[in-house]
Amino acid sequence: MIHRRRWGSTFDALRTPNFRWYWLGRLTSLASFQMHTVAQGWLVYELTGSALSLSWVSSSRSIAMLLFSLYGG
């Protein structure tokens, strides 16, 4: 009984409609961000055929995210 109750209360927040919409929107946003990252890398590689160019684009994106996240919190 204790395990059911503990797991049952884990997702209680999803019973609130506004939080459920927020969670679904955030999940969609993260999925589209990942698709954009893959598509950008694919495009760079298709246009240049160079793994070095792909690494430069990926590295610059990662460095920018790191720097802005440190500033923005």
PDB file of N, CA and C in Angstrom:
ATOM      1  N   MET A   1       0.808  -1.199   0.000  1.00  0.00           N
ATOM      2  CA  MET A   1       0.000   0.000   0.000  1.00  0.00           C
ATOM      3  C   MET A   1       0.851   1.264   0.000  1.00  0.00           C
ATOM      4  N   ILE A   2       1.952   1.236   0.732  1.00  0.00           N
ATOM      5  CA  ILE A   2       2.788   2.439   0.820  1.00  0.00           C
ATOM      6  C   ILE A   2       3.366   2.786  -0.546  1.00  0.00           C
ATOM      7  N   HIS A   3       3.778   1.777  -1.305  1.00  0.00           N
ATOM      8  CA  HIS A   3       4.359   2.048  -2.612  1.00  0.00           C
ATOM      9  C   HIS A   3       3.335   2.654  -3.560  1.00  0.00           C
ATOM     10  N   ARG A   4       2.127   2.180  -3.532  1.00  0.00           N
ATOM     11  CA  ARG A   4       1.091   2.743  -4.391  1.00  0.00           C
ATOM     12  C   ARG A   4       0.823   4.193  -4.046  1.00  0.00           C
ATOM     13  N   ARG A   5       0.769   4.457  -2.781  1.00  0.00           N
ATOM     14  CA  ARG A   5       0.467   5.814  -2.356  1.00  0.00           C
ATOM     15  C   ARG A   5       1.614   6.761  -2.720  1.00  0.00           C
ATOM     16  N   ARG A   6       2.841   6.307  -2.531  1.00  0.00           N
ATOM     17  CA  ARG A   6       3.989   7.141  -2.858  1.00  0.00           C
ATOM     18  C   ARG A   6       4.053   7.431  -4.353  1.00  0.00           C
ATOM     19  N   TRP A   7       3.882   6.400  -5.182  1.00  0.00           N
ATOM     20  CA  TRP A   7       3.908   6.612  -6.625  1.00  0.00           C
ATOM     21  C   TRP A   7       2.679   7.373  -7.093  1.00  0.00           C
ATOM     22  N   GLY A   8       1.575   7.187  -6.422  1.00  0.00           N
ATOM     23  CA  GLY A   8       0.363   7.907  -6.805  1.00  0.00           C
ATOM     24  C   GLY A   8       0.484   9.397  -6.576  1.00  0.00           C
ATOM     25  N   SER A   9       1.226   9.786  -5.568  1.00  0.00           N
ATOM     26  CA  SER A   9       1.375  11.216  -5.291  1.00  0.00           C
ATOM     27  C   SER A   9       2.503  11.853  -6.103  1.00  0.00           C
ATOM     28  N   THR A  10       3.267  11.049  -6.817  1.00  0.00           N
ATOM     29  CA  THR A  10       4.366  11.586  -7.605  1.00  0.00           C
ATOM     30  C   THR A  10       3.863  12.505  -8.718  1.00  0.00           C
ATOM     31  N   PHE A  11       2.796  12.128  -9.369  1.00  0.00           N
ATOM     32  CA  PHE A  11       2.296  12.884 -10.507  1.00  0.00           C
ATOM     33  C   PHE A  11       1.042  13.688 -10.181  1.00  0.00           C
ATOM     34  N   ASP A  12       0.848  14.027  -8.927  1.00  0.00           N
ATOM     35  CA  ASP A  12      -0.311  14.822  -8.534  1.00  0.00           C
ATOM     36  C   ASP A  12      -0.329  16.188  -9.202  1.00  0.00           C
ATOM     37  N   ALA A  13       0.832  16.745  -9.456  1.00  0.00           N
ATOM     38  CA  ALA A  13       0.893  18.073 -10.074  1.00  0.00           C
ATOM     39  C   ALA A  13       0.295  18.064 -11.479  1.00  0.00           C
ATOM     40  N   LEU A  14       0.343  16.916 -12.159  1.00  0.00           N
ATOM     41  CA  LEU A  14      -0.203  16.847 -13.518  1.00  0.00           C
ATOM     42  C   LEU A  14      -1.729  16.871 -13.534  1.00  0.00           C
ATOM     43  N   ARG A  15      -2.351  16.792 -12.380  1.00  0.00           N
ATOM     44  CA  ARG A  15      -3.806  16.903 -12.321  1.00  0.00           C
ATOM     45  C   ARG A  15      -4.265  18.347 -12.483  1.00  0.00           C
ATOM     46  N   THR A  16      -3.368  19.287 -12.281  1.00  0.00           N
ATOM     47  CA  THR A  16      -3.673  20.698 -12.482  1.00  0.00           C
ATOM     48  C   THR A  16      -3.552  21.014 -13.969  1.00  0.00           C
ATOM     49  N   PRO A  17      -4.641  21.482 -14.603  1.00  0.00           N
ATOM     50  CA  PRO A  17      -4.607  21.699 -16.058  1.00  0.00           C
ATOM     51  C   PRO A  17      -3.523  22.680 -16.522  1.00  0.00           C
ATOM     52  N   ASN A  18      -3.317  23.766 -15.795  1.00  0.00           N
ATOM     53  CA  ASN A  18      -2.308  24.734 -16.222  1.00  0.00           C
ATOM     54  C   ASN A  18      -0.910  24.151 -16.180  1.00  0.00           C
ATOM     55  N   PHE A  19      -0.608  23.385 -15.142  1.00  0.00           N
ATOM     56  CA  PHE A  19       0.705  22.763 -15.071  1.00  0.00           C
ATOM     57  C   PHE A  19       0.848  21.707 -16.150  1.00  0.00           C
ATOM     58  N   ARG A  20      -0.194  20.968 -16.440  1.00  0.00           N
ATOM     59  CA  ARG A  20      -0.145  19.947 -17.498  1.00  0.00           C
ATOM     60  C   ARG A  20       0.140  20.604 -18.853  1.00  0.00           C
ATOM     61  N   TRP A  21      -0.505  21.746 -19.135  1.00  0.00           N
ATOM     62  CA  TRP A  21      -0.245  22.463 -20.388  1.00  0.00           C
ATOM     63  C   TRP A  21       1.189  22.988 -20.423  1.00  0.00           C
ATOM     64  N   TYR A  22       1.653  23.493 -19.292  1.00  0.00           N
ATOM     65  CA  TYR A  22       3.036  23.965 -19.221  1.00  0.00           C
ATOM     66  C   TYR A  22       4.006  22.818 -19.505  1.00  0.00           C
ATOM     67  N   TRP A  23       3.780  21.666 -18.881  1.00  0.00           N
ATOM     68  CA  TRP A  23       4.662  20.522 -19.051  1.00  0.00           C
ATOM     69  C   TRP A  23       4.673  20.035 -20.501  1.00  0.00           C
ATOM     70  N   LEU A  24       3.503  19.952 -21.105  1.00  0.00           N
ATOM     71  CA  LEU A  24       3.428  19.520 -22.503  1.00  0.00           C
ATOM     72  C   LEU A  24       4.097  20.526 -23.440  1.00  0.00           C
ATOM     73  N   GLY A  25       3.902  21.813 -23.174  1.00  0.00           N
ATOM     74  CA  GLY A  25       4.550  22.841 -23.979  1.00  0.00           C
ATOM     75  C   GLY A  25       6.060  22.799 -23.843  1.00  0.00           C
ATOM     76  N   ARG A  26       6.532  22.573 -22.637  1.00  0.00           N
ATOM     77  CA  ARG A  26       7.979  22.482 -22.407  1.00  0.00           C
ATOM     78  C   ARG A  26       8.566  21.253 -23.090  1.00  0.00           C
ATOM     79  N   LEU A  27       7.861  20.146 -23.027  1.00  0.00           N
ATOM     80  CA  LEU A  27       8.308  18.926 -23.695  1.00  0.00           C
ATOM     81  C   LEU A  27       8.380  19.135 -25.212  1.00  0.00           C
ATOM     82  N   THR A  28       7.381  19.786 -25.772  1.00  0.00           N
ATOM     83  CA  THR A  28       7.369  20.076 -27.206  1.00  0.00           C
ATOM     84  C   THR A  28       8.508  21.017 -27.578  1.00  0.00           C
ATOM     85  N   SER A  29       8.742  22.017 -26.752  1.00  0.00           N
ATOM     86  CA  SER A  29       9.819  22.959 -27.013  1.00  0.00           C
ATOM     87  C   SER A  29      11.181  22.272 -27.006  1.00  0.00           C
ATOM     88  N   LEU A  30      11.412  21.406 -26.040  1.00  0.00           N
ATOM     89  CA  LEU A  30      12.688  20.696 -25.971  1.00  0.00           C
ATOM     90  C   LEU A  30      12.866  19.744 -27.154  1.00  0.00           C
ATOM     91  N   ALA A  31      11.793  19.085 -27.564  1.00  0.00           N
ATOM     92  CA  ALA A  31      11.877  18.179 -28.713  1.00  0.00           C
ATOM     93  C   ALA A  31      12.208  18.957 -29.988  1.00  0.00           C
ATOM     94  N   SER A  32      11.577  20.115 -30.171  1.00  0.00           N
ATOM     95  CA  SER A  32      11.855  20.900 -31.376  1.00  0.00           C
ATOM     96  C   SER A  32      13.274  21.473 -31.340  1.00  0.00           C
ATOM     97  N   PHE A  33      13.768  21.810 -30.157  1.00  0.00           N
ATOM     98  CA  PHE A  33      15.140  22.289 -30.036  1.00  0.00           C
ATOM     99  C   PHE A  33      16.127  21.199 -30.454  1.00  0.00           C
ATOM    100  N   GLN A  34      15.871  19.971 -30.029  1.00  0.00           N
ATOM    101  CA  GLN A  34      16.756  18.864 -30.403  1.00  0.00           C
ATOM    102  C   GLN A  34      16.695  18.592 -31.908  1.00  0.00           C
ATOM    103  N   MET A  35      15.497  18.673 -32.492  1.00  0.00           N
ATOM    104  CA  MET A  35      15.367  18.474 -33.944  1.00  0.00           C
ATOM    105  C   MET A  35      16.112  19.566 -34.708  1.00  0.00           C
ATOM    106  N   HIS A  36      16.042  20.793 -34.209  1.00  0.00           N
ATOM    107  CA  HIS A  36      16.757  21.899 -34.851  1.00  0.00           C
ATOM    108  C   HIS A  36      18.262  21.675 -34.799  1.00  0.00           C
ATOM    109  N   THR A  37      18.767  21.190 -33.694  1.00  0.00           N
ATOM    110  CA  THR A  37      20.196  20.929 -33.556  1.00  0.00           C
ATOM    111  C   THR A  37      20.656  19.860 -34.544  1.00  0.00           C
ATOM    112  N   VAL A  38      19.895  18.797 -34.652  1.00  0.00           N
ATOM    113  CA  VAL A  38      20.245  17.724 -35.590  1.00  0.00           C
ATOM    114  C   VAL A  38      20.148  18.214 -37.027  1.00  0.00           C
ATOM    115  N   ALA A  39      19.081  18.949 -37.351  1.00  0.00           N
ATOM    116  CA  ALA A  39      18.899  19.436 -38.719  1.00  0.00           C
ATOM    117  C   ALA A  39      19.991  20.430 -39.108  1.00  0.00           C
ATOM    118  N   GLN A  40      20.402  21.275 -38.187  1.00  0.00           N
ATOM    119  CA  GLN A  40      21.462  22.234 -38.484  1.00  0.00           C
ATOM    120  C   GLN A  40      22.779  21.511 -38.763  1.00  0.00           C
ATOM    121  N   GLY A  41      23.103  20.531 -37.952  1.00  0.00           N
ATOM    122  CA  GLY A  41      24.319  19.759 -38.194  1.00  0.00           C
ATOM    123  C   GLY A  41      24.264  19.009 -39.510  1.00  0.00           C
ATOM    124  N   TRP A  42      23.119  18.441 -39.802  1.00  0.00           N
ATOM    125  CA  TRP A  42      22.945  17.717 -41.058  1.00  0.00           C
ATOM    126  C   TRP A  42      23.122  18.656 -42.253  1.00  0.00           C
ATOM    127  N   LEU A  43      22.527  19.838 -42.164  1.00  0.00           N
ATOM    128  CA  LEU A  43      22.636  20.807 -43.250  1.00  0.00           C
ATOM    129  C   LEU A  43      24.078  21.251 -43.451  1.00  0.00           C
ATOM    130  N   VAL A  44      24.779  21.530 -42.379  1.00  0.00           N
ATOM    131  CA  VAL A  44      26.177  21.956 -42.492  1.00  0.00           C
ATOM    132  C   VAL A  44      27.004  20.856 -43.146  1.00  0.00           C
ATOM    133  N   TYR A  45      26.782  19.631 -42.730  1.00  0.00           N
ATOM    134  CA  TYR A  45      27.554  18.538 -43.318  1.00  0.00           C
ATOM    135  C   TYR A  45      27.192  18.309 -44.784  1.00  0.00           C
ATOM    136  N   GLU A  46      25.917  18.429 -45.126  1.00  0.00           N
ATOM    137  CA  GLU A  46      25.488  18.255 -46.526  1.00  0.00           C
ATOM    138  C   GLU A  46      26.047  19.358 -47.421  1.00  0.00           C
ATOM    139  N   LEU A  47      26.105  20.590 -46.912  1.00  0.00           N
ATOM    140  CA  LEU A  47      26.592  21.703 -47.727  1.00  0.00           C
ATOM    141  C   LEU A  47      28.106  21.693 -47.878  1.00  0.00           C
ATOM    142  N   THR A  48      28.813  21.324 -46.831  1.00  0.00           N
ATOM    143  CA  THR A  48      30.273  21.400 -46.875  1.00  0.00           C
ATOM    144  C   THR A  48      30.942  20.047 -47.053  1.00  0.00           C
ATOM    145  N   GLY A  49      30.335  18.992 -46.540  1.00  0.00           N
ATOM    146  CA  GLY A  49      30.960  17.677 -46.590  1.00  0.00           C
ATOM    147  C   GLY A  49      32.161  17.578 -45.659  1.00  0.00           C
ATOM    148  N   SER A  50      32.281  18.526 -44.765  1.00  0.00           N
ATOM    149  CA  SER A  50      33.442  18.583 -43.887  1.00  0.00           C
ATOM    150  C   SER A  50      33.033  18.367 -42.438  1.00  0.00           C
ATOM    151  N   ALA A  51      33.680  17.410 -41.808  1.00  0.00           N
ATOM    152  CA  ALA A  51      33.422  17.175 -40.396  1.00  0.00           C
ATOM    153  C   ALA A  51      33.980  18.322 -39.551  1.00  0.00           C
ATOM    154  N   LEU A  52      35.017  18.969 -40.044  1.00  0.00           N
ATOM    155  CA  LEU A  52      35.589  20.105 -39.332  1.00  0.00           C
ATOM    156  C   LEU A  52      34.590  21.263 -39.266  1.00  0.00           C
ATOM    157  N   SER A  53      33.918  21.541 -40.358  1.00  0.00           N
ATOM    158  CA  SER A  53      32.896  22.592 -40.357  1.00  0.00           C
ATOM    159  C   SER A  53      31.761  22.245 -39.406  1.00  0.00           C
ATOM    160  N   LEU A  54      31.384  21.009 -39.403  1.00  0.00           N
ATOM    161  CA  LEU A  54      30.329  20.560 -38.496  1.00  0.00           C
ATOM    162  C   LEU A  54      30.748  20.736 -37.048  1.00  0.00           C
ATOM    163  N   SER A  55      31.986  20.419 -36.743  1.00  0.00           N
ATOM    164  CA  SER A  55      32.451  20.580 -35.367  1.00  0.00           C
ATOM    165  C   SER A  55      32.541  22.043 -34.975  1.00  0.00           C
ATOM    166  N   TRP A  56      32.914  22.928 -35.899  1.00  0.00           N
ATOM    167  CA  TRP A  56      32.945  24.355 -35.599  1.00  0.00           C
ATOM    168  C   TRP A  56      31.562  24.894 -35.288  1.00  0.00           C
ATOM    169  N   VAL A  57      30.593  24.510 -36.075  1.00  0.00           N
ATOM    170  CA  VAL A  57      29.222  24.975 -35.845  1.00  0.00           C
ATOM    171  C   VAL A  57      28.685  24.441 -34.522  1.00  0.00           C
ATOM    172  N   SER A  58      28.904  23.174 -34.262  1.00  0.00           N
ATOM    173  CA  SER A  58      28.430  22.576 -33.014  1.00  0.00           C
ATOM    174  C   SER A  58      29.132  23.177 -31.806  1.00  0.00           C
ATOM    175  N   SER A  59      30.424  23.383 -31.931  1.00  0.00           N
ATOM    176  CA  SER A  59      31.182  23.961 -30.817  1.00  0.00           C
ATOM    177  C   SER A  59      30.764  25.399 -30.535  1.00  0.00           C
ATOM    178  N   SER A  60      30.581  26.174 -31.584  1.00  0.00           N
ATOM    179  CA  SER A  60      30.190  27.572 -31.370  1.00  0.00           C
ATOM    180  C   SER A  60      28.802  27.663 -30.743  1.00  0.00           C
ATOM    181  N   ARG A  61      27.923  26.773 -31.135  1.00  0.00           N
ATOM    182  CA  ARG A  61      26.585  26.760 -30.532  1.00  0.00           C
ATOM    183  C   ARG A  61      26.665  26.380 -29.049  1.00  0.00           C
ATOM    184  N   SER A  62      27.481  25.392 -28.738  1.00  0.00           N
ATOM    185  CA  SER A  62      27.613  24.952 -27.350  1.00  0.00           C
ATOM    186  C   SER A  62      28.273  26.014 -26.480  1.00  0.00           C
ATOM    187  N   ILE A  63      29.282  26.677 -27.011  1.00  0.00           N
ATOM    188  CA  ILE A  63      29.960  27.725 -26.246  1.00  0.00           C
ATOM    189  C   ILE A  63      29.014  28.889 -25.998  1.00  0.00           C
ATOM    190  N   ALA A  64      28.247  29.263 -27.007  1.00  0.00           N
ATOM    191  CA  ALA A  64      27.280  30.356 -26.838  1.00  0.00           C
ATOM    192  C   ALA A  64      26.231  29.995 -25.786  1.00  0.00           C
ATOM    193  N   MET A  65      25.733  28.763 -25.821  1.00  0.00           N
ATOM    194  CA  MET A  65      24.756  28.344 -24.817  1.00  0.00           C
ATOM    195  C   MET A  65      25.361  28.361 -23.420  1.00  0.00           C
ATOM    196  N   LEU A  66      26.589  27.929 -23.298  1.00  0.00           N
ATOM    197  CA  LEU A  66      27.253  27.921 -21.996  1.00  0.00           C
ATOM    198  C   LEU A  66      27.420  29.338 -21.463  1.00  0.00           C
ATOM    199  N   LEU A  67      27.920  30.242 -22.303  1.00  0.00           N
ATOM    200  CA  LEU A  67      28.161  31.616 -21.867  1.00  0.00           C
ATOM    201  C   LEU A  67      26.867  32.326 -21.499  1.00  0.00           C
ATOM    202  N   PHE A  68      25.831  32.185 -22.318  1.00  0.00           N
ATOM    203  CA  PHE A  68      24.572  32.856 -22.029  1.00  0.00           C
ATOM    204  C   PHE A  68      23.856  32.247 -20.834  1.00  0.00           C
ATOM    205  N   SER A  69      24.018  30.949 -20.630  1.00  0.00           N
ATOM    206  CA  SER A  69      23.374  30.338 -19.472  1.00  0.00           C
ATOM    207  C   SER A  69      24.059  30.763 -18.177  1.00  0.00           C
ATOM    208  N   LEU A  70      25.365  30.990 -18.224  1.00  0.00           N
ATOM    209  CA  LEU A  70      26.049  31.483 -17.037  1.00  0.00           C
ATOM    210  C   LEU A  70      25.588  32.896 -16.700  1.00  0.00           C
ATOM    211  N   TYR A  71      25.374  33.721 -17.708  1.00  0.00           N
ATOM    212  CA  TYR A  71      24.926  35.096 -17.491  1.00  0.00           C
ATOM    213  C   TYR A  71      23.438  35.140 -17.118  1.00  0.00           C
ATOM    214  N   GLY A  72      22.646  34.363 -17.840  1.00  0.00           N
ATOM    215  CA  GLY A  72      21.187  34.408 -17.624  1.00  0.00           C
ATOM    216  C   GLY A  72      20.706  33.583 -16.455  1.00  0.00           C
ATOM    217  N   GLY A  73      21.503  32.661 -16.026  1.00  0.00           N
ATOM    218  CA  GLY A  73      21.089  31.844 -14.888  1.00  0.00           C
ATOM    219  C   GLY A  73      20.374  30.655 -15.348  1.00  0.00           C
TER     220      GLY A  73
END
